[in-house]
């Protein structure tokens, strides 16, 4: 009897140890929990972790671990670093991804793929369909810029020579034979395969995988139970218009928090009430810059000169400079040569404009003009400009030009 009891106890203990050594049952976890577990120990990932936690319910509806028929699902998540969020959101106002739940959820969904993507897949694919059904391009960036060049600058002209050469093909990562026609050649042409490899081979040229022009770190972080894989990326898949709209909408809903970074003001602070309609009428705003000009948190991005907001800003700058010049003929806008845009606490527009001072001759003035625009506080002003030849605008009113009517 004692032997049987001992045997039973041993079997029971073995069963207990076996059960306790098994990994967590997949039914007891979810995709958000596992991504957070994988990311939260990494200091550079704290922002995406906080956003994932805040959007947990919406994400779990989008990315269940099982379908209705019980089939297990697996996902891929491209996780932006905290620095990427810093570059793409203003740092001296509310966080748009916390004050706008819908925007936060939309942005996070864009970083998911509804299937597992292995490192081998990333190396071979040239496109991915993200969870929001948008297709994104996968490319390579070479540390040696020569290796990214096409072998010839132009393909619309027939070159009649026949010169066997070598070129590095970025898509395949290999040096390949190429028949050069003898004209419009670039630096990515080599007489021998050895010359090509010495410039663009793996020992001389580091290739970085990009998704939507964002660097993908090479490490693939595999989640338990084969429920997914995470890659860290250096960009957030959202644009400045979405950021600006989220902040503007927040201050329209909370007009008395403009001066307090979107938070309730302390008793010692005196926010200026903002009427919703007035807040949108930025054309009635003087050009004088704010006391503290916003510090740029990211680089400028080239945008089309045909964008409606760019054209509006260019007209604004032209009219404001014309009023400040106080001349017989108004300054007129001839052409927007170049436009760049930067997300700060609003937008900085860096424009290259061709202007005409006098309608009776064809002489033009080329001006580099920076305009700061912040719709939610009804602010729009020229913060700097430089023209060639220079415009005769009185120094004392250069940055206090008359408001637009």
Protein backbone atom coordinates (compact mmCIF):
# COMPACT_ATOMS: atom_id res chain seq x y z
CA UNK A 1 0.00 0.00 0.00
CA UNK A 2 2.81 2.38 0.87
CA UNK A 3 4.55 1.53 -2.41
CA UNK A 4 1.39 2.36 -4.37
CA UNK A 5 0.98 5.64 -2.48
CA UNK A 6 4.61 6.56 -3.16
CA UNK A 7 4.21 5.73 -6.85
CA UNK A 8 1.06 7.86 -7.04
CA UNK A 9 2.83 10.81 -5.40
CA UNK A 10 5.78 10.53 -7.78
CA UNK A 11 3.46 10.47 -10.82
CA UNK A 12 1.51 13.47 -9.48
CA UNK A 13 4.72 15.45 -8.86
CA UNK A 14 6.06 14.65 -12.34
CA UNK A 15 2.78 15.76 -13.89
CA UNK A 16 2.90 19.02 -11.92
CA UNK A 17 6.50 19.72 -12.95
CA UNK A 18 5.70 18.97 -16.59
CA UNK A 19 2.70 21.29 -16.57
CA UNK A 20 4.57 24.11 -14.86
CA UNK A 21 7.46 23.88 -17.34
CA UNK A 22 5.23 24.44 -20.39
CA UNK A 23 5.17 27.94 -21.95
CA UNK A 24 2.13 30.12 -21.48
CA UNK A 25 -0.83 28.79 -23.42
CA UNK A 26 -1.41 30.82 -26.55
CA UNK A 27 -5.00 31.36 -25.48
CA UNK A 28 -3.74 33.27 -22.44
CA UNK A 29 -1.88 35.95 -24.38
CA UNK A 30 -2.36 38.32 -27.33
CA UNK A 31 -0.29 40.10 -29.96
CA UNK A 32 -0.12 43.41 -28.04
CA UNK A 33 1.00 41.75 -24.81
CA UNK A 34 3.81 39.89 -26.55
CA UNK A 35 5.05 42.91 -28.52
CA UNK A 36 5.07 44.98 -25.32
CA UNK A 37 7.00 42.26 -23.49
CA UNK A 38 9.56 42.15 -26.29
CA UNK A 39 9.94 45.95 -26.46
CA UNK A 40 9.52 47.38 -22.95
CA UNK A 41 13.04 46.51 -21.78
CA UNK A 42 14.49 48.51 -24.69
CA UNK A 43 14.92 52.13 -23.65
CA UNK A 44 14.58 53.46 -27.20
CA UNK A 45 11.13 51.86 -27.63
CA UNK A 46 9.20 53.38 -24.69
CA UNK A 47 6.93 55.55 -26.84
CA UNK A 48 5.62 52.80 -29.09
CA UNK A 49 5.10 50.64 -25.99
CA UNK A 50 2.94 53.34 -24.41
CA UNK A 51 0.93 53.79 -27.61
CA UNK A 52 0.38 50.04 -27.95
CA UNK A 53 -0.93 49.85 -24.40
CA UNK A 54 -3.26 52.81 -24.97
CA UNK A 55 -4.69 51.24 -28.14
CA UNK A 56 -4.81 47.66 -26.88
CA UNK A 57 -8.57 47.14 -27.32
CA UNK A 58 -8.66 48.42 -30.88
CA UNK A 59 -5.57 46.46 -31.88
CA UNK A 60 -6.91 43.20 -30.46
CA UNK A 61 -10.04 43.57 -32.58
CA UNK A 62 -7.87 44.12 -35.65
CA UNK A 63 -5.34 41.38 -34.92
CA UNK A 64 -6.90 38.39 -33.14
CA UNK A 65 -4.71 35.34 -32.65
CA UNK A 66 -7.38 33.00 -34.00
CA UNK A 67 -9.91 33.18 -36.79
CA UNK A 68 -13.53 32.15 -36.30
CA UNK A 69 -12.68 28.57 -37.37
CA UNK A 70 -9.80 28.32 -34.88
CA UNK A 71 -6.89 28.90 -37.27
CA UNK A 72 -3.93 30.54 -35.54
CA UNK A 73 -2.81 33.88 -36.98
CA UNK A 74 0.68 35.36 -37.11
CA UNK A 75 1.67 38.99 -37.72
CA UNK A 76 4.62 41.27 -38.43
CA UNK A 77 5.07 44.61 -36.68
CA UNK A 78 7.48 47.37 -37.73
CA UNK A 79 8.09 49.24 -34.48
CA UNK A 80 9.28 52.87 -34.73
CA UNK A 81 11.89 54.06 -32.27
CA UNK A 82 11.09 56.82 -29.78
CA UNK A 83 13.50 59.07 -31.68
CA UNK A 84 11.42 58.57 -34.84
CA UNK A 85 8.33 59.76 -32.97
CA UNK A 86 10.30 62.73 -31.64
CA UNK A 87 11.32 63.77 -35.15
CA UNK A 88 7.77 63.58 -36.47
CA UNK A 89 5.80 65.17 -33.62
CA UNK A 90 6.22 68.61 -32.02
CA UNK A 91 7.77 68.62 -28.58
CA UNK A 92 6.35 71.89 -27.21
CA UNK A 93 2.65 71.07 -27.40
CA UNK A 94 0.34 68.12 -26.84
CA UNK A 95 1.27 64.66 -28.13
CA UNK A 96 -1.11 64.15 -31.08
CA UNK A 97 -1.03 60.38 -30.62
CA UNK A 98 -2.35 60.68 -27.08
CA UNK A 99 -5.00 63.33 -27.65
CA UNK A 100 -6.37 61.59 -30.77
CA UNK A 101 -7.21 57.94 -30.14
CA UNK A 102 -8.37 57.35 -33.72
CA UNK A 103 -5.14 58.71 -35.20
CA UNK A 104 -3.04 56.60 -32.83
CA UNK A 105 -4.90 53.41 -33.79
CA UNK A 106 -4.69 54.19 -37.52
CA UNK A 107 -0.97 54.86 -37.31
CA UNK A 108 -0.25 51.67 -35.36
CA UNK A 109 -2.28 49.54 -37.79
CA UNK A 110 -0.15 50.88 -40.65
CA UNK A 111 2.91 49.28 -39.04
CA UNK A 112 1.41 45.76 -39.06
CA UNK A 113 1.42 43.10 -41.78
CA UNK A 114 -1.23 40.42 -41.49
CA UNK A 115 1.29 37.60 -42.01
CA UNK A 116 4.77 36.69 -40.75
CA UNK A 117 7.63 38.23 -42.73
CA UNK A 118 10.97 36.51 -42.19
CA UNK A 119 14.40 38.06 -42.68
CA UNK A 120 14.73 36.05 -45.88
CA UNK A 121 11.41 37.43 -47.08
CA UNK A 122 12.58 40.98 -46.41
CA UNK A 123 15.74 40.37 -48.40
CA UNK A 124 13.82 39.11 -51.45
CA UNK A 125 10.57 41.10 -51.54
CA UNK A 126 10.28 44.49 -53.19
CA UNK A 127 6.80 45.30 -51.82
CA UNK A 128 4.62 44.57 -48.80
CA UNK A 129 0.89 44.97 -48.26
CA UNK A 130 0.38 46.48 -44.82
CA UNK A 131 -2.58 45.82 -42.53
CA UNK A 132 -4.36 48.96 -43.74
CA UNK A 133 -4.27 47.44 -47.28
CA UNK A 134 -1.74 49.98 -48.54
CA UNK A 135 1.23 48.70 -50.48
CA UNK A 136 4.68 49.91 -49.44
CA UNK A 137 7.99 49.65 -51.26
CA UNK A 138 11.05 47.85 -49.93
CA UNK A 139 14.38 49.16 -51.18
CA UNK A 140 18.07 49.07 -50.35
CA UNK A 141 20.38 51.90 -49.34
CA UNK A 142 24.07 51.53 -50.08
CA UNK A 143 26.75 53.07 -47.88
CA UNK A 144 28.69 53.80 -51.10
CA UNK A 145 26.38 56.09 -53.08
CA UNK A 146 28.04 55.09 -56.35
CA UNK A 147 26.52 51.63 -55.93
CA UNK A 148 23.00 53.09 -55.96
CA UNK A 149 23.45 54.84 -59.30
CA UNK A 150 22.06 53.42 -62.54
CA UNK A 151 24.76 52.43 -65.03
CA UNK A 152 23.67 55.22 -67.41
CA UNK A 153 21.91 58.53 -66.77
CA UNK A 154 19.69 58.37 -69.83
CA UNK A 155 17.96 55.50 -71.58
CA UNK A 156 15.99 57.54 -74.11
CA UNK A 157 19.00 58.04 -76.39
CA UNK A 158 20.56 55.24 -78.45
CA UNK A 159 24.30 54.86 -77.83
CA UNK A 160 25.88 52.67 -80.50
CA UNK A 161 29.09 51.44 -78.93
CA UNK A 162 29.41 47.89 -77.60
CA UNK A 163 31.54 47.83 -74.47
CA UNK A 164 31.28 44.85 -72.07
CA UNK A 165 31.49 46.21 -68.52
CA UNK A 166 30.23 45.53 -64.99
CA UNK A 167 27.72 47.34 -62.81
CA UNK A 168 26.36 46.85 -59.29
CA UNK A 169 22.62 46.14 -59.19
CA UNK A 170 21.17 47.34 -55.90
CA UNK A 171 18.04 45.17 -56.16
CA UNK A 172 20.04 41.94 -56.30
CA UNK A 173 23.10 43.09 -54.36
CA UNK A 174 25.39 41.66 -57.03
CA UNK A 175 27.90 42.87 -59.58
CA UNK A 176 26.52 41.94 -62.98
CA UNK A 177 27.78 42.14 -66.53
CA UNK A 178 26.50 45.08 -68.55
CA UNK A 179 26.84 46.15 -72.16
CA UNK A 180 27.67 49.85 -72.19
CA UNK A 181 26.66 51.86 -75.23
CA UNK A 182 29.42 54.41 -74.81
CA UNK A 183 27.51 57.50 -73.63
CA UNK A 184 25.81 58.89 -70.51
CA UNK A 185 27.69 56.47 -68.26
CA UNK A 186 27.80 56.92 -64.47
CA UNK A 187 30.38 56.00 -61.85
CA UNK A 188 28.57 52.67 -61.44
CA UNK A 189 30.37 51.21 -64.44
CA UNK A 190 33.48 49.07 -63.95
CA UNK A 191 35.87 47.45 -66.41
CA UNK A 192 36.13 44.20 -64.45
CA UNK A 193 34.08 42.28 -61.92
CA UNK A 194 36.92 42.68 -59.44
CA UNK A 195 36.75 46.47 -59.75
CA UNK A 196 33.00 46.33 -59.14
CA UNK A 197 33.38 44.11 -56.08
CA UNK A 198 36.12 46.30 -54.61
CA UNK A 199 33.75 49.28 -54.71
CA UNK A 200 30.38 47.68 -54.06
CA UNK A 201 31.02 44.21 -52.67
CA UNK A 202 30.10 43.27 -49.09
CA UNK A 203 33.49 44.25 -47.67
CA UNK A 204 33.31 47.77 -49.11
CA UNK A 205 29.61 48.54 -49.21
CA UNK A 206 27.03 48.07 -46.45
CA UNK A 207 23.48 47.57 -47.69
CA UNK A 208 20.59 48.68 -45.48
CA UNK A 209 17.02 47.50 -46.03
CA UNK A 210 14.41 50.27 -46.16
CA UNK A 211 10.63 50.25 -45.88
CA UNK A 212 9.00 53.46 -47.11
CA UNK A 213 12.51 54.95 -46.97
CA UNK A 214 12.82 54.03 -43.27
CA UNK A 215 15.79 51.95 -42.14
CA UNK A 216 14.94 48.47 -40.89
CA UNK A 217 17.29 47.25 -38.18
CA UNK A 218 18.63 43.80 -39.14
CA UNK A 219 17.53 42.02 -35.96
CA UNK A 220 14.29 40.07 -36.27
CA UNK A 221 12.59 39.80 -32.86
CA UNK A 222 10.53 36.60 -32.85
CA UNK A 223 7.51 36.47 -30.57
CA UNK A 224 6.68 33.26 -28.64
CA UNK A 225 4.27 30.64 -29.94
CA UNK A 226 4.98 31.76 -33.53
CA UNK A 227 2.46 34.58 -33.23
CA UNK A 228 4.64 37.12 -34.95
CA UNK A 229 7.91 38.91 -35.59
CA UNK A 230 8.97 42.51 -34.84
CA UNK A 231 11.44 44.71 -36.71
CA UNK A 232 12.60 48.10 -35.40
CA UNK A 233 12.40 50.96 -37.91
CA UNK A 234 13.58 54.56 -37.96
CA UNK A 235 10.39 56.25 -39.12
CA UNK A 236 6.70 56.58 -38.22
CA UNK A 237 4.26 55.95 -41.07
CA UNK A 238 2.26 59.17 -40.70
CA UNK A 239 2.42 62.59 -42.31
CA UNK A 240 2.59 66.10 -40.96
CA UNK A 241 -0.95 66.98 -42.03
CA UNK A 242 -2.35 64.29 -39.73
CA UNK A 243 -0.24 65.56 -36.84
CA UNK A 244 -1.30 69.17 -37.37
CA UNK A 245 -4.98 68.26 -37.72
CA UNK A 246 -4.94 66.20 -34.50
CA UNK A 247 -3.38 69.04 -32.51
CA UNK A 248 -5.66 71.65 -34.07
CA UNK A 249 -8.77 69.58 -33.33
CA UNK A 250 -7.64 69.07 -29.74
CA UNK A 251 -7.30 72.81 -29.11
CA UNK A 252 -10.64 73.49 -30.77
CA UNK A 253 -12.20 71.09 -28.27
CA UNK A 254 -10.11 72.49 -25.40
CA UNK A 255 -9.56 76.16 -26.26
CA UNK A 256 -8.45 77.22 -22.77
CA UNK A 257 -5.50 74.85 -22.73
CA UNK A 258 -3.54 76.43 -25.60
CA UNK A 259 -0.94 78.01 -23.31
CA UNK A 260 -0.61 74.99 -21.05
CA UNK A 261 0.51 72.32 -23.54
CA UNK A 262 -3.00 70.92 -23.73
CA UNK A 263 -3.22 70.24 -20.00
CA UNK A 264 -5.34 71.98 -17.36
CA UNK A 265 -3.67 75.25 -16.46
CA UNK A 266 -2.40 75.82 -12.94
CA UNK A 267 -3.94 78.67 -10.89
CA UNK A 268 -0.99 80.95 -11.64
CA UNK A 269 -1.38 80.68 -15.40
CA UNK A 270 -3.78 82.78 -17.42
CA UNK A 271 -4.63 81.21 -20.74
CA UNK A 272 -6.16 83.40 -23.40
CA UNK A 273 -9.60 82.11 -24.46
CA UNK A 274 -9.70 81.17 -28.13
CA UNK A 275 -12.93 81.35 -30.07
CA UNK A 276 -13.21 78.40 -32.47
CA UNK A 277 -14.05 80.47 -35.54
CA UNK A 278 -11.38 83.07 -34.87
CA UNK A 279 -8.81 80.33 -34.31
CA UNK A 280 -9.31 79.10 -37.86
CA UNK A 281 -9.01 82.55 -39.45
CA UNK A 282 -5.25 82.61 -39.73
CA UNK A 283 -5.25 85.26 -42.45
CA UNK A 284 -6.09 87.88 -39.81
CA UNK A 285 -2.95 87.12 -37.83
CA UNK A 286 -0.04 89.64 -37.71
CA UNK A 287 3.28 88.50 -39.01
CA UNK A 288 5.25 89.26 -35.86
CA UNK A 289 6.99 86.05 -34.72
CA UNK A 290 6.11 84.49 -31.35
CA UNK A 291 8.40 85.29 -28.36
CA UNK A 292 10.04 81.90 -28.61
CA UNK A 293 10.51 80.71 -32.16
CA UNK A 294 9.89 76.92 -32.22
CA UNK A 295 13.03 74.85 -32.28
CA UNK A 296 13.13 72.52 -35.29
CA UNK A 297 12.95 68.87 -34.24
CA UNK A 298 13.43 67.25 -37.63
CA UNK A 299 14.73 67.93 -41.10
CA UNK A 300 12.87 69.56 -43.95
CA UNK A 301 11.08 67.37 -46.47
CA UNK A 302 10.73 68.42 -50.11
CA UNK A 303 7.09 68.81 -51.14
CA UNK A 304 5.38 69.64 -54.41
CA UNK A 305 5.14 73.31 -55.30
CA UNK A 306 1.61 72.55 -56.54
CA UNK A 307 0.31 71.57 -53.10
CA UNK A 308 -2.56 73.90 -52.10
CA UNK A 309 -1.03 74.73 -48.71
CA UNK A 310 2.32 75.58 -50.32
CA UNK A 311 0.66 77.91 -52.80
CA UNK A 312 -1.33 79.56 -50.02
CA UNK A 313 1.80 80.11 -47.93
CA UNK A 314 3.65 81.52 -50.97
CA UNK A 315 0.83 84.00 -51.65
CA UNK A 316 0.82 84.93 -47.98
CA UNK A 317 4.56 85.60 -47.95
CA UNK A 318 4.41 87.61 -51.17
CA UNK A 319 1.61 89.85 -49.97
CA UNK A 320 3.19 90.34 -46.54
CA UNK A 321 6.56 91.29 -48.04
CA UNK A 322 4.83 93.63 -50.47
CA UNK A 323 3.06 95.43 -47.62
CA UNK A 324 6.33 95.70 -45.71
CA UNK A 325 8.15 97.14 -48.72
CA UNK A 326 5.68 100.09 -48.87
CA UNK A 327 6.28 100.74 -52.57
CA UNK A 328 4.27 102.10 -55.49
CA UNK A 329 3.85 98.72 -57.18
CA UNK A 330 3.00 95.57 -55.21
CA UNK A 331 5.44 92.69 -55.29
CA UNK A 332 3.99 89.84 -57.34
CA UNK A 333 4.67 86.13 -57.24
CA UNK A 334 6.12 84.78 -60.48
CA UNK A 335 6.95 81.21 -59.54
CA UNK A 336 7.46 78.85 -56.62
CA UNK A 337 10.85 77.37 -57.46
CA UNK A 338 11.15 74.96 -54.53
CA UNK A 339 9.21 74.07 -51.41
CA UNK A 340 10.23 72.22 -48.26
CA UNK A 341 8.18 71.50 -45.16
CA UNK A 342 9.13 70.72 -41.57
CA UNK A 343 6.97 69.54 -38.68
CA UNK A 344 7.62 71.57 -35.54
CA UNK A 345 4.84 72.86 -33.29
CA UNK A 346 2.98 73.42 -36.52
CA UNK A 347 4.89 73.75 -39.78
CA UNK A 348 7.91 75.58 -41.09
CA UNK A 349 7.74 76.21 -44.82
CA UNK A 350 11.04 76.92 -46.59
CA UNK A 351 10.23 78.37 -50.00
CA UNK A 352 12.34 79.59 -52.88
CA UNK A 353 10.25 82.21 -54.68
CA UNK A 354 10.71 84.20 -57.85
CA UNK A 355 9.16 87.63 -57.31
CA UNK A 356 8.71 90.68 -59.51
CA UNK A 357 9.11 94.16 -57.99
CA UNK A 358 8.00 96.17 -60.99
CA UNK A 359 5.40 95.19 -63.62
CA UNK A 360 7.05 97.34 -66.30
CA UNK A 361 10.18 95.20 -66.61
CA UNK A 362 11.03 91.50 -66.55
CA UNK A 363 13.58 91.58 -63.73
CA UNK A 364 12.90 89.00 -61.02
CA UNK A 365 14.06 88.71 -57.43
CA UNK A 366 14.81 85.26 -55.99
CA UNK A 367 13.98 84.97 -52.28
CA UNK A 368 14.51 82.23 -49.71
CA UNK A 369 11.58 82.66 -47.32
CA UNK A 370 10.76 80.74 -44.14
CA UNK A 371 7.16 80.91 -42.90
CA UNK A 372 5.97 79.45 -39.60
CA UNK A 373 2.34 78.31 -39.61
CA UNK A 374 0.40 77.10 -36.55
CA UNK A 375 -3.30 76.86 -37.29
CA UNK A 376 -4.52 75.98 -33.80
CA UNK A 377 -3.19 79.22 -32.33
CA UNK A 378 -4.00 81.36 -35.38
CA UNK A 379 -0.30 82.02 -35.99
CA UNK A 380 1.32 82.58 -39.35
CA UNK A 381 4.44 84.68 -39.81
CA UNK A 382 7.57 85.13 -41.87
CA UNK A 383 10.48 84.21 -39.60
CA UNK A 384 13.30 84.87 -42.09
CA UNK A 385 13.92 85.83 -45.69
CA UNK A 386 16.86 86.58 -47.93
CA UNK A 387 16.57 87.91 -51.47
CA UNK A 388 18.92 88.34 -54.42
CA UNK A 389 18.97 91.16 -55.28
CA UNK A 390 17.85 92.38 -51.89
CA UNK A 391 14.40 93.88 -51.40
CA UNK A 392 14.23 97.35 -49.88
CA UNK A 393 12.14 96.49 -46.83
CA UNK A 394 12.60 98.77 -43.84
CA UNK A 395 14.70 96.95 -41.19
CA UNK A 396 12.40 97.98 -38.36
CA UNK A 397 9.40 96.28 -39.96
CA UNK A 398 11.03 93.25 -41.54
CA UNK A 399 9.52 90.93 -38.96
CA UNK A 400 6.47 92.97 -38.07
CA UNK A 401 4.83 93.18 -41.45
CA UNK A 402 1.21 94.22 -41.74
CA UNK A 403 -1.40 91.47 -41.35
CA UNK A 404 -3.08 90.03 -44.39
CA UNK A 405 -6.57 91.24 -45.07
